[in-house]
Amino acid sequence: MLRIMIVEDEPVNRELLLLCLRGLGDCKAVACGEDAVLAQQDALELNQPFDVIFLDILLPGINGLQALEQLRALEDRHEVPQDKRVPVIVTTGLDDDRTASRAFIQGQALSYMTKPFRAGQIHEELRKLGLIA
């Protein structure tokens, strides 16, 4: 079973992701970037890292890109090797090349999904990452 974190402030989008990921793993859903960073810290300290993170860009408090930078900084502090870093799928309603570039270059995101999305798209992204068959 996968360990999945969903970072999404909109309840409808959070529930959609939870529904689409049902049966694929253990999902932890948080509504803000700060909670995502705390959950990542706990996971790393318990040596139970997440297998994938779905991360919204527009969040209350720190935004998704800032959260992603902090998630990567935690991995650096815990000396997580590059090939063991959690894959991040950025989810956003923004169709903005600058935001996508920052997510990929600075935050080392592996995928970028524009909302609205469907279960098939979510599963395809997980397949591309080799997380499901």
C-alpha atoms as a PDB file:
ATOM      1  CA  MET A   1       0.000   0.000   0.000  1.00  0.00           C
ATOM      2  CA  LEU A   2       1.202   3.474  -0.885  1.00  0.00           C
ATOM      3  CA  ARG A   3       1.612   6.227   1.687  1.00  0.00           C
ATOM      4  CA  ILE A   4      -0.016   9.264   0.073  1.00  0.00           C
ATOM      5  CA  MET A   5      -0.294  12.858   1.275  1.00  0.00           C
ATOM      6  CA  ILE A   6      -2.909  15.170  -0.227  1.00  0.00           C
ATOM      7  CA  VAL A   7      -2.379  18.894   0.342  1.00  0.00           C
ATOM      8  CA  GLU A   8      -5.582  20.621  -0.749  1.00  0.00           C
ATOM      9  CA  ASP A   9      -7.541  23.405   0.951  1.00  0.00           C
ATOM     10  CA  GLU A  10     -10.760  22.996  -1.072  1.00  0.00           C
ATOM     11  CA  PRO A  11     -12.898  20.275   0.579  1.00  0.00           C
ATOM     12  CA  VAL A  12     -14.455  19.171  -2.732  1.00  0.00           C
ATOM     13  CA  ASN A  13     -11.054  18.706  -4.410  1.00  0.00           C
ATOM     14  CA  ARG A  14      -9.655  16.988  -1.308  1.00  0.00           C
ATOM     15  CA  GLU A  15     -12.582  14.543  -1.260  1.00  0.00           C
ATOM     16  CA  LEU A  16     -12.236  13.908  -5.007  1.00  0.00           C
ATOM     17  CA  LEU A  17      -8.580  12.971  -4.570  1.00  0.00           C
ATOM     18  CA  LEU A  18      -9.390  10.776  -1.573  1.00  0.00           C
ATOM     19  CA  LEU A  19     -12.093   9.023  -3.589  1.00  0.00           C
ATOM     20  CA  CYS A  20      -9.834   8.518  -6.613  1.00  0.00           C
ATOM     21  CA  LEU A  21      -7.015   7.144  -4.460  1.00  0.00           C
ATOM     22  CA  ARG A  22      -9.191   4.825  -2.380  1.00  0.00           C
ATOM     23  CA  GLY A  23      -7.753   1.344  -2.313  1.00  0.00           C
ATOM     24  CA  LEU A  24      -4.344   2.443  -3.566  1.00  0.00           C
ATOM     25  CA  GLY A  25      -2.917   3.309  -0.199  1.00  0.00           C
ATOM     26  CA  ASP A  26      -3.072   5.092   3.108  1.00  0.00           C
ATOM     27  CA  CYS A  27      -4.012   8.743   2.485  1.00  0.00           C
ATOM     28  CA  LYS A  28      -3.257  11.635   4.797  1.00  0.00           C
ATOM     29  CA  ALA A  29      -5.110  14.798   3.771  1.00  0.00           C
ATOM     30  CA  VAL A  30      -4.115  18.250   5.016  1.00  0.00           C
ATOM     31  CA  ALA A  31      -5.522  21.655   4.121  1.00  0.00           C
ATOM     32  CA  CYS A  32      -2.461  23.915   4.217  1.00  0.00           C
ATOM     33  CA  GLY A  33       1.238  24.006   3.441  1.00  0.00           C
ATOM     34  CA  GLU A  34       2.262  24.305   7.073  1.00  0.00           C
ATOM     35  CA  ASP A  35       0.451  21.052   7.907  1.00  0.00           C
ATOM     36  CA  ALA A  36       2.112  19.357   4.943  1.00  0.00           C
ATOM     37  CA  VAL A  37       5.549  20.346   6.226  1.00  0.00           C
ATOM     38  CA  LEU A  38       4.691  19.044   9.714  1.00  0.00           C
ATOM     39  CA  ALA A  39       3.378  15.764   8.271  1.00  0.00           C
ATOM     40  CA  GLN A  40       6.549  15.356   6.208  1.00  0.00           C
ATOM     41  CA  GLN A  41       8.680  16.063   9.275  1.00  0.00           C
ATOM     42  CA  ASP A  42       6.813  13.380  11.256  1.00  0.00           C
ATOM     43  CA  ALA A  43       7.057  10.880   8.386  1.00  0.00           C
ATOM     44  CA  LEU A  44      10.805  11.376   8.049  1.00  0.00           C
ATOM     45  CA  GLU A  45      11.396  11.155  11.798  1.00  0.00           C
ATOM     46  CA  LEU A  46       9.426   7.881  11.933  1.00  0.00           C
ATOM     47  CA  ASN A  47      11.282   6.594   8.859  1.00  0.00           C
ATOM     48  CA  GLN A  48       7.897   6.163   7.130  1.00  0.00           C
ATOM     49  CA  PRO A  49       8.203   8.527   4.179  1.00  0.00           C
ATOM     50  CA  PHE A  50       5.336   9.269   1.844  1.00  0.00           C
ATOM     51  CA  ASP A  51       5.420   7.503  -1.516  1.00  0.00           C
ATOM     52  CA  VAL A  52       3.759  10.429  -3.296  1.00  0.00           C
ATOM     53  CA  ILE A  53       2.409  13.894  -2.481  1.00  0.00           C
ATOM     54  CA  PHE A  54      -0.408  15.656  -4.343  1.00  0.00           C
ATOM     55  CA  LEU A  55       0.224  19.361  -3.697  1.00  0.00           C
ATOM     56  CA  ASP A  56      -2.082  22.260  -4.557  1.00  0.00           C
ATOM     57  CA  ILE A  57      -0.408  25.586  -5.398  1.00  0.00           C
ATOM     58  CA  LEU A  58      -2.997  28.021  -4.012  1.00  0.00           C
ATOM     59  CA  LEU A  59      -3.134  27.345  -0.275  1.00  0.00           C
ATOM     60  CA  PRO A  60      -3.828  29.481   2.783  1.00  0.00           C
ATOM     61  CA  GLY A  61      -0.687  30.493   4.672  1.00  0.00           C
ATOM     62  CA  ILE A  62       2.394  29.388   2.786  1.00  0.00           C
ATOM     63  CA  ASN A  63       1.541  28.517  -0.800  1.00  0.00           C
ATOM     64  CA  GLY A  64       2.240  25.180  -2.437  1.00  0.00           C
ATOM     65  CA  LEU A  65       5.530  26.245  -4.001  1.00  0.00           C
ATOM     66  CA  GLN A  66       6.819  27.527  -0.656  1.00  0.00           C
ATOM     67  CA  ALA A  67       5.644  24.301   0.997  1.00  0.00           C
ATOM     68  CA  LEU A  68       7.411  22.272  -1.690  1.00  0.00           C
ATOM     69  CA  GLU A  69      10.661  24.122  -1.046  1.00  0.00           C
ATOM     70  CA  GLN A  70      10.300  23.412   2.681  1.00  0.00           C
ATOM     71  CA  LEU A  71       9.503  19.730   2.012  1.00  0.00           C
ATOM     72  CA  ARG A  72      12.713  19.452  -0.026  1.00  0.00           C
ATOM     73  CA  ALA A  73      14.678  21.266   2.703  1.00  0.00           C
ATOM     74  CA  LEU A  74      13.439  18.677   5.219  1.00  0.00           C
ATOM     75  CA  GLU A  75      14.652  15.899   2.944  1.00  0.00           C
ATOM     76  CA  ASP A  76      18.030  17.649   2.743  1.00  0.00           C
ATOM     77  CA  ARG A  77      18.257  17.873   6.549  1.00  0.00           C
ATOM     78  CA  HIS A  78      17.360  14.191   6.839  1.00  0.00           C
ATOM     79  CA  GLU A  79      19.928  13.384   4.133  1.00  0.00           C
ATOM     80  CA  VAL A  80      17.393  11.695   1.872  1.00  0.00           C
ATOM     81  CA  PRO A  81      19.212  10.723  -1.342  1.00  0.00           C
ATOM     82  CA  GLN A  82      17.970  12.303  -4.583  1.00  0.00           C
ATOM     83  CA  ASP A  83      16.614   8.994  -5.864  1.00  0.00           C
ATOM     84  CA  LYS A  84      14.594   8.431  -2.667  1.00  0.00           C
ATOM     85  CA  ARG A  85      12.873  11.833  -2.517  1.00  0.00           C
ATOM     86  CA  VAL A  86       9.098  11.741  -2.490  1.00  0.00           C
ATOM     87  CA  PRO A  87       7.570  12.329  -5.928  1.00  0.00           C
ATOM     88  CA  VAL A  88       5.370  15.426  -5.918  1.00  0.00           C
ATOM     89  CA  ILE A  89       2.429  15.911  -8.257  1.00  0.00           C
ATOM     90  CA  VAL A  90       1.474  19.572  -8.314  1.00  0.00           C
ATOM     91  CA  THR A  91      -2.281  20.138  -8.660  1.00  0.00           C
ATOM     92  CA  THR A  92      -3.593  23.559  -9.526  1.00  0.00           C
ATOM     93  CA  GLY A  93      -6.334  25.535 -11.174  1.00  0.00           C
ATOM     94  CA  LEU A  94      -3.647  27.813 -12.625  1.00  0.00           C
ATOM     95  CA  ASP A  95      -2.522  27.209 -16.184  1.00  0.00           C
ATOM     96  CA  ASP A  96       0.667  29.199 -15.792  1.00  0.00           C
ATOM     97  CA  ASP A  97       4.013  28.216 -17.322  1.00  0.00           C
ATOM     98  CA  ARG A  98       5.973  30.284 -14.773  1.00  0.00           C
ATOM     99  CA  THR A  99       4.377  28.435 -11.846  1.00  0.00           C
ATOM    100  CA  ALA A 100       4.969  25.080 -13.511  1.00  0.00           C
ATOM    101  CA  SER A 101       8.601  25.951 -14.210  1.00  0.00           C
ATOM    102  CA  ARG A 102       9.201  26.942 -10.608  1.00  0.00           C
ATOM    103  CA  ALA A 103       7.593  23.727  -9.347  1.00  0.00           C
ATOM    104  CA  PHE A 104       9.773  21.602 -11.612  1.00  0.00           C
ATOM    105  CA  ILE A 105      13.058  23.505 -11.333  1.00  0.00           C
ATOM    106  CA  GLN A 106      13.118  24.734  -7.744  1.00  0.00           C
ATOM    107  CA  GLY A 107      10.891  22.153  -6.101  1.00  0.00           C
ATOM    108  CA  GLN A 108      11.816  19.164  -8.235  1.00  0.00           C
ATOM    109  CA  ALA A 109       8.154  18.288  -8.790  1.00  0.00           C
ATOM    110  CA  LEU A 110       7.742  15.329 -11.118  1.00  0.00           C
ATOM    111  CA  SER A 111       4.291  16.061 -12.479  1.00  0.00           C
ATOM    112  CA  TYR A 112       1.846  18.933 -12.904  1.00  0.00           C
ATOM    113  CA  MET A 113      -1.929  18.439 -13.193  1.00  0.00           C
ATOM    114  CA  THR A 114      -4.318  21.265 -14.017  1.00  0.00           C
ATOM    115  CA  LYS A 115      -7.767  21.128 -12.389  1.00  0.00           C
ATOM    116  CA  PRO A 116     -10.341  19.911 -12.983  1.00  0.00           C
ATOM    117  CA  PHE A 117      -8.931  16.421 -13.271  1.00  0.00           C
ATOM    118  CA  ARG A 118     -10.448  12.940 -13.393  1.00  0.00           C
ATOM    119  CA  ALA A 119      -9.605   9.639 -11.719  1.00  0.00           C
ATOM    120  CA  GLY A 120      -8.056   8.319 -14.931  1.00  0.00           C
ATOM    121  CA  GLN A 121      -5.607  11.224 -15.055  1.00  0.00           C
ATOM    122  CA  ILE A 122      -4.606  10.676 -11.438  1.00  0.00           C
ATOM    123  CA  HIS A 123      -4.034   6.961 -12.017  1.00  0.00           C
ATOM    124  CA  GLU A 124      -2.068   7.685 -15.201  1.00  0.00           C
ATOM    125  CA  GLU A 125       0.257  10.026 -13.307  1.00  0.00           C
ATOM    126  CA  LEU A 126       0.839   7.344 -10.683  1.00  0.00           C
ATOM    127  CA  ARG A 127       1.565   4.819 -13.441  1.00  0.00           C
ATOM    128  CA  LYS A 128       4.069   7.195 -15.065  1.00  0.00           C
ATOM    129  CA  LEU A 129       5.875   7.408 -11.723  1.00  0.00           C
ATOM    130  CA  GLY A 130       5.894   3.615 -11.442  1.00  0.00           C
ATOM    131  CA  LEU A 131       3.785   3.677  -8.286  1.00  0.00           C
ATOM    132  CA  ILE A 132       0.932   1.542  -9.625  1.00  0.00           C
ATOM    133  CA  ALA A 133       0.626  -1.006 -12.409  1.00  0.00           C
END
